[in-house]
Amino acid sequence: MDLESRIAVVGVVVEDRPNAAKKVNEILSLHADIIVGRLGVPHMDKDAGVIALIINGTTDEIGSITGKLGNVTGVKVKSAITT
């Protein structure tokens, strides 16, 4: 298991804010210890939003948060991780 800390940028697109926002925020709160920064921008006209996350964690921790977010209906996730 790789325990080396890495920096990651995670982009989260919430296409269905009314139904997905609560679950997304619950997941982010569970992983607050590895989130270094967060920027959220709502798109009120489309009931959508974009969240940019800066994360410092192991590959397992980063995979955990991105996997949980990606499993939420109406949410799309992309990440870039340092080597």
Protein backbone atom coordinates (compact mmCIF):
# COMPACT_ATOMS: atom_id res chain seq x y z
CA MET A 1 0.00 0.00 0.00
CA ASP A 2 1.31 3.44 -0.96
CA LEU A 3 1.25 5.75 2.07
CA GLU A 4 3.08 8.62 0.37
CA SER A 5 1.13 11.87 0.43
CA ARG A 6 0.25 13.40 -2.93
CA ILE A 7 -1.32 16.65 -4.10
CA ALA A 8 -4.42 16.37 -6.27
CA VAL A 9 -6.76 18.73 -8.05
CA VAL A 10 -10.31 17.41 -8.24
CA GLY A 11 -13.03 18.94 -10.40
CA VAL A 12 -16.60 18.13 -9.42
CA VAL A 13 -19.55 19.02 -11.64
CA VAL A 14 -22.89 18.77 -9.86
CA GLU A 15 -25.52 18.62 -12.59
CA ASP A 16 -28.47 18.19 -10.22
CA ARG A 17 -27.84 20.50 -7.24
CA PRO A 18 -31.26 20.14 -5.61
CA ASN A 19 -30.89 16.36 -5.30
CA ALA A 20 -27.11 15.86 -5.06
CA ALA A 21 -25.81 18.80 -2.99
CA LYS A 22 -26.55 17.28 0.43
CA LYS A 23 -24.78 13.99 -0.37
CA VAL A 24 -21.80 15.82 -1.94
CA ASN A 25 -21.39 17.99 1.16
CA GLU A 26 -21.61 14.94 3.43
CA ILE A 27 -18.81 13.25 1.49
CA LEU A 28 -16.67 16.39 1.55
CA SER A 29 -17.19 16.71 5.31
CA LEU A 30 -16.12 13.10 5.86
CA HIS A 31 -12.85 13.84 4.02
CA ALA A 32 -12.26 17.34 5.42
CA ASP A 33 -8.92 16.28 6.89
CA ILE A 34 -7.35 15.90 3.42
CA ILE A 35 -9.04 18.89 1.72
CA VAL A 36 -6.61 21.82 1.59
CA GLY A 37 -8.86 24.16 -0.40
CA ARG A 38 -12.33 24.26 -1.90
CA LEU A 39 -13.98 26.63 -4.35
CA GLY A 40 -17.64 26.22 -5.22
CA VAL A 41 -19.39 28.12 -7.99
CA PRO A 42 -23.15 27.67 -8.43
CA HIS A 43 -24.87 27.94 -11.80
CA MET A 44 -28.33 28.91 -10.61
CA ASP A 45 -29.94 29.04 -14.06
CA LYS A 46 -29.22 25.35 -14.59
CA ASP A 47 -29.50 24.13 -10.97
CA ALA A 48 -25.88 23.00 -11.32
CA GLY A 49 -22.55 23.85 -9.77
CA VAL A 50 -18.82 23.31 -10.03
CA ILE A 51 -16.51 22.55 -7.13
CA ALA A 52 -12.71 22.68 -7.37
CA LEU A 53 -10.83 20.84 -4.64
CA ILE A 54 -7.16 20.84 -3.70
CA ILE A 55 -6.40 17.64 -1.81
CA ASN A 56 -3.33 16.40 0.07
CA GLY A 57 -3.58 12.69 0.78
CA THR A 58 -2.51 9.19 -0.16
CA THR A 59 -3.66 7.69 -3.44
CA ASP A 60 -6.09 5.55 -1.43
CA GLU A 61 -7.60 8.60 0.29
CA ILE A 62 -7.87 10.50 -2.99
CA GLY A 63 -9.44 7.47 -4.65
CA SER A 64 -11.90 7.14 -1.79
CA ILE A 65 -13.22 10.70 -2.03
CA THR A 66 -13.34 10.75 -5.85
CA GLY A 67 -15.01 7.34 -5.95
CA LYS A 68 -17.69 8.31 -3.46
CA LEU A 69 -18.37 11.59 -5.24
CA GLY A 70 -18.50 9.87 -8.63
CA ASN A 71 -21.13 7.43 -7.36
CA VAL A 72 -23.57 10.22 -6.54
CA THR A 73 -26.26 10.49 -9.21
CA GLY A 74 -25.92 13.74 -11.16
CA VAL A 75 -22.24 14.25 -10.25
CA LYS A 76 -19.20 13.98 -12.52
CA VAL A 77 -15.61 13.94 -11.18
CA LYS A 78 -12.17 14.31 -12.78
CA SER A 79 -8.83 14.46 -10.98
CA ALA A 80 -5.16 15.05 -11.58
CA ILE A 81 -2.64 13.67 -9.06
CA THR A 82 1.07 14.35 -8.62
CA THR A 83 3.47 11.44 -8.98
